[in-house]
Protein backbone atom coordinates (compact mmCIF):
# COMPACT_ATOMS: atom_id res chain seq x y z
CA MET A 1 79.37 58.55 112.55
CA GLY A 2 81.54 58.51 109.45
CA MET A 3 83.50 55.66 110.92
CA LEU A 4 80.26 54.07 112.00
CA GLY A 5 78.90 54.26 108.47
CA HIS A 6 82.14 52.76 107.14
CA LEU A 7 82.03 49.86 109.56
CA PHE A 8 78.32 49.32 109.01
CA THR A 9 78.67 48.99 105.25
CA HIS A 10 81.66 46.62 104.97
CA PRO A 11 80.91 42.92 105.45
CA HIS A 12 84.53 42.01 106.23
CA HIS A 13 84.42 44.43 109.22
CA LYS A 14 81.25 43.02 110.78
CA LYS A 15 83.02 41.52 113.78
CA ALA A 16 84.75 44.81 114.56
CA ALA A 17 81.65 46.85 113.70
CA LEU A 18 79.24 45.08 116.04
CA PRO A 19 80.78 46.24 119.36
CA VAL A 20 81.11 49.80 118.02
CA LEU A 21 77.48 49.88 116.90
CA VAL A 22 76.33 48.42 120.21
CA TYR A 23 78.27 50.96 122.30
CA ILE A 24 77.15 53.93 120.22
CA PHE A 25 73.56 52.72 120.19
CA MET A 26 73.59 52.25 123.97
CA GLY A 27 74.92 55.76 124.44
CA TRP A 28 72.33 57.12 121.99
CA MET A 29 69.46 55.44 123.88
CA ILE A 30 70.75 56.62 127.26
CA TRP A 31 70.73 60.14 125.82
CA SER A 32 67.15 59.58 124.61
CA LEU A 33 66.09 58.64 128.15
CA LEU A 34 67.81 61.72 129.50
CA CYS A 35 65.97 63.87 126.92
CA GLY A 36 62.68 62.23 127.97
CA TRP A 37 63.36 63.12 131.59
CA MET A 38 64.10 66.75 130.60
CA LEU A 39 60.85 66.93 128.60
CA MET A 40 58.93 65.70 131.61
CA ARG A 41 60.66 67.98 134.11
CA TYR A 42 61.03 71.24 132.18
CA TYR A 43 58.04 71.07 129.80
CA ASP A 44 55.55 69.40 132.16
CA LEU A 45 54.73 66.62 129.68
CA PRO A 46 53.12 63.41 130.90
CA VAL A 47 55.61 60.64 131.57
CA GLN A 48 54.34 58.40 128.75
CA LEU A 49 54.33 61.22 126.20
CA ALA A 50 57.77 62.52 127.20
CA PHE A 51 59.58 59.17 127.12
CA THR A 52 57.70 57.77 124.10
CA ASP A 53 58.42 60.93 122.10
CA SER A 54 62.09 60.94 123.05
CA VAL A 55 62.81 57.23 122.55
CA LEU A 56 60.79 56.94 119.31
CA SER A 57 62.36 60.09 117.85
CA HIS A 58 65.87 58.98 118.70
CA LEU A 59 65.31 55.53 117.20
CA LEU A 60 64.02 57.06 114.00
CA ALA A 61 66.89 59.54 113.89
CA TRP A 62 69.36 56.67 114.40
CA MET A 63 68.04 54.76 111.38
CA ILE A 64 67.94 57.83 109.14
CA LEU A 65 71.47 58.85 110.14
CA LEU A 66 72.84 55.37 109.42
CA PHE A 67 71.18 55.40 106.02
CA LEU A 68 72.56 58.89 105.31
CA ALA A 69 76.08 57.81 106.36
CA ARG A 70 75.82 54.75 104.11
CA ILE A 71 74.72 56.77 101.08
CA LEU A 72 77.31 59.52 101.47
CA PHE A 73 80.15 57.08 102.13
CA PHE A 74 79.64 55.27 98.84
CA PHE A 75 78.37 58.14 96.74
CA TYR A 76 80.01 61.17 98.31
CA PRO A 77 80.01 64.20 96.00
CA GLN A 78 83.02 66.33 95.08
CA SER A 79 83.70 69.55 96.96
CA PHE A 80 82.18 71.70 94.19
CA HIS A 81 78.87 69.81 94.60
CA PHE A 82 78.42 70.89 98.19
CA PHE A 83 74.81 71.86 97.53
CA ILE A 84 74.05 68.14 97.14
CA ILE A 85 75.11 67.63 100.75
CA CYS A 86 72.87 70.45 101.90
CA GLY A 87 69.99 68.94 99.92
CA ALA A 88 70.56 65.50 101.43
CA VAL A 89 70.68 66.97 104.94
CA CYS A 90 67.48 68.99 104.45
CA ILE A 91 65.66 66.00 102.96
CA SER A 92 66.76 63.83 105.88
CA ALA A 93 65.54 66.42 108.39
CA ALA A 94 62.20 66.92 106.65
CA LEU A 95 61.71 63.16 106.34
CA PHE A 96 62.52 62.74 110.02
CA VAL A 97 59.95 65.37 111.09
CA PHE A 98 57.22 63.94 108.87
CA ILE A 99 57.69 60.29 109.90
CA ASP A 100 58.28 61.19 113.55
CA GLU A 101 55.02 63.15 113.86
CA TRP A 102 53.10 60.43 112.00
CA LEU A 103 54.42 57.70 114.30
CA LEU A 104 53.65 59.71 117.41
CA ARG A 105 50.08 60.39 116.26
CA ILE A 106 49.36 56.71 115.67
CA THR A 107 51.13 55.67 118.89
CA LEU A 108 49.80 58.22 121.40
CA SER A 109 46.38 59.79 122.01
CA TYR A 110 46.73 62.97 124.08
CA SER A 111 44.60 66.08 123.72
CA LEU A 112 47.70 68.28 123.81
CA LEU A 113 49.64 66.13 121.31
CA ASP A 114 48.85 68.28 118.25
CA THR A 115 49.82 71.45 120.10
CA TRP A 116 53.06 69.86 121.34
CA LEU A 117 54.00 68.58 117.91
CA HIS A 118 53.29 71.96 116.30
CA GLU A 119 55.37 73.83 118.88
CA SER A 120 58.28 71.36 118.80
CA GLU A 121 58.42 70.97 115.03
CA PRO A 122 61.13 73.68 114.49
CA VAL A 123 63.21 72.12 117.27
CA ARG A 124 62.94 68.66 115.73
CA PHE A 125 63.85 69.98 112.30
CA GLY A 126 66.81 72.04 113.60
CA PHE A 127 68.05 69.14 115.75
CA MET A 128 68.03 66.81 112.74
CA ILE A 129 69.68 69.41 110.48
CA ILE A 130 72.61 69.80 112.89
CA ILE A 131 73.05 66.06 113.52
CA SER A 132 72.65 65.16 109.83
CA LEU A 133 75.17 67.80 108.76
CA GLY A 134 77.71 66.46 111.24
CA VAL A 135 77.16 62.87 110.08
CA ALA A 136 77.42 63.91 106.43
CA MET A 137 80.68 65.80 106.91
CA LEU A 138 82.27 63.01 108.94
CA SER A 139 81.16 60.35 106.47
CA MET A 140 82.55 62.29 103.52
CA GLN A 141 85.81 62.97 105.32
CA HIS A 142 86.21 59.30 106.16
CA ALA A 143 85.30 58.29 102.59
CA ARG A 144 87.98 60.58 101.17
CA ARG A 145 90.54 59.32 103.68
CA THR A 146 89.68 55.73 102.78
CA ASP A 147 90.07 56.47 99.07
CA GLU A 148 93.42 58.17 99.67
CA GLN A 149 94.60 55.19 101.69
CA SER A 150 93.46 52.78 98.97
CA ASN A 151 95.24 54.84 96.30
CA ARG A 152 98.39 54.94 98.40
CA MET A 153 98.31 51.19 98.93
CA ARG A 154 97.73 50.67 95.21
CA GLU A 155 100.72 52.89 94.37
CA GLU A 156 102.89 51.04 96.88
CA GLU A 157 101.83 47.71 95.36
CA ILE A 158 102.67 48.98 91.86
CA GLN A 159 106.08 50.16 93.08
CA LYS A 160 106.70 46.81 94.78
CA LEU A 161 105.81 44.91 91.60
CA ALA A 162 108.13 47.14 89.57
CA ARG A 163 110.91 46.66 92.14
CA ASP A 164 110.45 42.87 92.14
CA ALA A 165 110.48 42.83 88.34
CA GLU A 166 113.72 44.82 88.22
CA LEU A 167 115.29 42.59 90.88
CA TYR A 168 114.28 39.48 88.94
CA LYS A 169 115.78 40.96 85.79
CA LEU A 170 119.09 41.62 87.57
CA GLU A 171 119.17 38.09 88.93
CA GLN A 172 118.45 36.64 85.51
CA GLN A 173 121.22 38.76 83.97
CA LEU A 174 123.76 37.52 86.50
CA GLN A 175 124.04 33.90 85.44
CA PRO A 176 124.31 34.48 81.64
CA HIS A 177 126.97 37.12 82.30
CA PHE A 178 129.04 34.72 84.42
CA LEU A 179 128.40 31.79 82.07
CA PHE A 180 129.57 33.83 79.09
CA ASN A 181 132.89 34.58 80.83
CA CYS A 182 133.37 30.95 81.86
CA LEU A 183 132.72 29.66 78.35
CA ASN A 184 135.32 32.08 77.02
CA SER A 185 137.79 30.66 79.53
CA VAL A 186 136.96 27.07 78.55
CA TYR A 187 137.42 27.98 74.91
CA ALA A 188 140.85 29.46 75.71
CA LEU A 189 141.95 26.31 77.57
CA ILE A 190 140.69 23.65 75.15
CA GLY A 191 143.57 23.96 72.73
CA LYS A 192 146.51 24.18 75.13
CA HIS A 193 145.22 22.49 78.29
CA PRO A 194 142.32 20.12 77.51
CA GLU A 195 142.49 18.43 80.93
CA GLN A 196 142.08 21.78 82.69
CA ALA A 197 139.25 22.66 80.34
CA ARG A 198 137.50 19.39 81.23
CA GLU A 199 137.96 20.01 84.95
CA MET A 200 136.68 23.55 84.53
CA VAL A 201 133.52 22.29 82.81
CA ILE A 202 132.91 19.89 85.73
CA GLN A 203 133.37 22.69 88.27
CA LEU A 204 131.09 24.93 86.24
CA ALA A 205 128.39 22.23 86.20
CA ASP A 206 128.62 21.87 89.99
CA PHE A 207 128.40 25.63 90.41
CA LEU A 208 125.34 25.99 88.20
CA ARG A 209 123.67 22.98 89.83
CA GLY A 210 124.07 24.61 93.25
CA THR A 211 122.77 27.89 91.88
CA LEU A 212 119.60 26.24 90.58
CA ARG A 213 118.93 24.68 93.99
CA LYS A 214 119.07 28.10 95.63
CA GLU A 215 116.76 29.89 93.20
CA GLN A 216 113.85 29.57 95.62
CA LYS A 217 115.86 31.01 98.55
CA PRO A 218 116.39 34.74 98.13
CA LEU A 219 118.51 34.89 101.30
CA LEU A 220 121.30 32.51 102.30
CA THR A 221 123.59 32.32 105.28
CA LEU A 222 127.14 33.45 104.66
CA GLU A 223 128.27 29.87 105.27
CA GLU A 224 126.04 28.61 102.43
CA GLU A 225 127.15 31.43 100.15
CA LEU A 226 130.83 30.67 100.78
CA LYS A 227 130.35 27.03 99.75
CA GLN A 228 128.99 28.22 96.43
CA ILE A 229 131.71 30.88 96.10
CA GLN A 230 134.39 28.25 96.65
CA LEU A 231 133.17 26.43 93.52
CA TYR A 232 133.48 29.67 91.57
CA LEU A 233 137.00 30.29 92.92
CA ASN A 234 138.01 26.78 91.93
CA ILE A 235 136.94 27.61 88.37
CA GLU A 236 138.99 30.79 88.34
CA LYS A 237 142.04 29.03 89.81
CA ILE A 238 141.92 26.52 86.97
CA ARG A 239 141.76 29.44 84.57
CA PHE A 240 144.62 31.49 86.02
CA GLY A 241 146.68 28.83 87.78
CA GLN A 242 149.35 29.96 90.22
CA ARG A 243 148.88 33.62 89.32
CA LEU A 244 145.75 33.77 91.47
CA THR A 245 145.57 33.36 95.24
CA THR A 246 142.44 33.98 97.26
CA VAL A 247 142.45 34.63 101.00
CA LEU A 248 139.24 34.27 102.99
CA ASP A 249 139.23 35.95 106.42
CA ILE A 250 135.81 35.13 107.85
CA ALA A 251 134.84 35.86 111.45
CA GLU A 252 133.14 32.94 113.16
CA ASP A 253 130.14 34.99 114.32
CA SER A 254 129.37 36.11 110.75
CA LEU A 255 128.80 32.65 109.24
CA GLN A 256 125.10 32.56 110.17
CA CYS A 257 124.41 36.08 108.92
CA GLU A 258 122.10 36.30 105.91
CA LEU A 259 122.74 37.91 102.55
CA PRO A 260 121.17 37.78 99.07
CA ALA A 261 122.10 34.69 97.09
CA LEU A 262 125.05 35.05 94.67
CA LEU A 263 125.82 38.56 95.89
CA LEU A 264 129.58 37.96 96.20
CA GLN A 265 130.23 36.24 92.87
CA PRO A 266 130.07 39.36 90.62
CA LEU A 267 132.24 41.28 93.12
CA LEU A 268 134.87 38.55 93.11
CA GLU A 269 134.67 38.38 89.33
CA ASN A 270 135.41 42.10 89.15
CA ALA A 271 138.23 41.80 91.65
CA ILE A 272 139.86 38.96 89.71
CA LYS A 273 139.39 40.67 86.37
CA PHE A 274 140.85 44.02 87.38
CA GLY A 275 143.37 42.53 89.80
CA LEU A 276 144.99 40.35 87.17
CA TYR A 277 144.72 42.82 84.31
CA GLY A 278 148.16 44.22 83.51
CA HIS A 279 149.87 41.97 86.08
CA ALA A 280 152.03 39.03 85.10
CA ASP A 281 152.99 38.25 88.68
CA HIS A 282 151.16 36.62 91.53
CA VAL A 283 147.96 38.45 92.63
CA GLU A 284 146.14 38.07 95.94
CA ILE A 285 142.38 38.61 96.26
CA ARG A 286 141.10 39.03 99.82
CA LEU A 287 137.58 38.42 101.07
CA GLU A 288 136.86 39.51 104.64
CA ALA A 289 133.62 39.25 106.60
CA GLN A 290 132.64 40.33 110.08
CA ARG A 291 129.48 41.24 111.95
CA LEU A 292 129.15 44.85 113.05
CA ALA A 293 126.15 45.27 115.39
CA ASN A 294 123.11 44.69 113.17
CA ARG A 295 125.06 44.57 109.90
CA LEU A 296 127.25 42.07 108.08
CA ALA A 297 130.30 43.79 106.58
CA ILE A 298 131.93 42.01 103.64
CA SER A 299 135.03 43.46 101.99
CA ILE A 300 136.69 42.29 98.78
CA SER A 301 140.02 43.84 97.85
CA ASN A 302 142.36 43.43 94.91
CA PRO A 303 145.51 45.14 93.67
CA PHE A 304 145.21 47.24 90.53
CA ASP A 305 147.12 49.72 88.46
CA ALA A 306 144.96 52.71 87.51
CA SER A 307 147.16 53.46 84.50
CA LEU A 308 146.54 49.99 83.06
CA LEU A 309 142.85 49.79 83.96
CA ASP A 310 140.66 48.27 81.25
CA HIS A 311 137.56 50.41 80.66
CA SER A 312 136.06 48.15 78.02
CA GLY A 313 133.80 46.24 80.46
CA THR A 314 130.20 47.12 81.18
CA GLY A 315 130.65 47.49 84.95
CA PHE A 316 127.82 45.01 85.47
CA GLY A 317 129.15 43.55 88.74
CA LEU A 318 129.26 46.63 90.96
CA LYS A 319 126.13 48.15 89.46
CA SER A 320 124.09 44.97 89.86
CA VAL A 321 125.18 44.44 93.49
CA SER A 322 124.49 48.04 94.46
CA ARG A 323 121.09 47.99 92.76
CA ARG A 324 120.09 44.63 94.24
CA LEU A 325 120.91 45.78 97.76
CA TYR A 326 118.92 48.97 97.25
CA LEU A 327 115.90 47.08 95.91
CA ILE A 328 115.96 44.51 98.72
CA TYR A 329 116.75 46.73 101.71
CA GLY A 330 115.68 50.19 100.48
CA MET A 331 118.98 51.86 101.44
CA ALA A 332 121.41 53.50 99.03
CA ASP A 333 124.53 53.48 101.24
CA LEU A 334 125.15 49.73 101.49
CA VAL A 335 128.10 49.62 99.06
CA LYS A 336 131.30 51.52 99.83
CA ILE A 337 134.16 51.78 97.33
CA GLN A 338 137.70 52.73 98.33
CA SER A 339 140.68 52.94 96.01
CA THR A 340 144.32 53.94 96.36
CA ASP A 341 147.13 53.84 93.84
CA HIS A 342 147.48 50.08 94.09
CA LEU A 343 144.51 48.70 96.05
CA PHE A 344 140.81 48.61 95.24
CA ARG A 345 138.32 47.65 97.96
CA VAL A 346 134.55 47.14 97.85
CA THR A 347 132.65 46.80 101.12
CA CYS A 348 129.03 45.70 101.35
CA PHE A 349 126.96 46.26 104.47
CA ILE A 350 124.09 43.76 104.74
CA PRO A 351 121.38 44.63 107.31
CA GLN A 352 120.56 41.79 109.65
CA ARG A 353 117.39 40.95 111.49
CA THR A 354 117.71 41.19 115.25
C-alpha cells in the first residue's frame, strides 16, 4: 500500500499506476465477495445483508486507506513522533466504523441490522486498526526510501557537476600552458632564425585551429588525435631541429579506438622537455599504441639522466592527464610510470566501449 500510495499521488506515474491500482482493487473486491460468502455461511446472515455489508465496507476501507497512504507519504512524521501515526490510525478506524454503520443503515432495512452492527462493531474497528497500521508503516517506509533515493541522486548530481567543472578547468589550463611554451620558443628563434620562427607561428596557428574545431568532441579516435599531434611535433622539430626524432609505432587495429581530445600532447611535451634536457646529442621520442582487449594502451618513452633532471617545472602534464582520465573513467590506475637509469616511460590505458 505504501507503493500504491506513492503511485497514486504522482502524476508522472499515472500510466504505471493505473494497472497496479486495477489489479489491487480487483483482488480487494474478490476478497470482499469471499468475506460476504463467509458472513452468509458462518453467521447465517441473509444474502443481501452479507454481501452488501462486505462490499460496501471494503469499498469504504479502500478509499480511507488510499487517503491515509496519501497523507502519510507526503507528511510522514519523524520516528520520535510515532504517536501521531497511532492517532492517525485510530482516527481512520473510528471514521470507518462511523461512516460504515451510517451507510449500512440508510442502505438496508433489516430487523436484525442494529443487533448485527452492534455485535460486529469491535471486529470492524479492529480490522481497520490492523489494516491502517500496515498501510501507515508501509507508506512511511516507502516515503523515507524515496527521500533517501532523492538525496542520493542529488548528491551524485552535485558530484558530477563538480567533476565536470574540474575537468573543464583542466582542459582550459592545457592550451594556455602549451601556448606559453610555444611563444617562448618563437621568441628564442626570432633573432637567430626568423624563417623558422615564421614557420613555427604558421604551424602553431594550424594546431590551435584544429584544437578549436574539436572543442565540442570530448572523445576522438586515435587516428584523429595523431593528426593533431603531428602538427605539434612539427612545431617541436622546428624548435629543436635535428636533435629531435620522433618514432610512432601505431598498431592498425588501434586507430579507431577513442581517447580524450589532446590527451597525448602534454605527455609528449614532457617527454621532449625531459628527454632533451642535459643532452646535446640526438634524442629519440617513441610513441607506441596498441589495443589490449577492451583497452587502448599508449606508451610514450624518452631518454633521461636522473642526475641532470630539471625539477623547476610544475609537473602539469602528468598530473593533468592522470586527473583527466580519473574524472572521465572513474579509475585511478590508468596511468603507469616506469623509469630506469636512462629511460622514462609513461603508459596510459584508455577503456574502450565494446
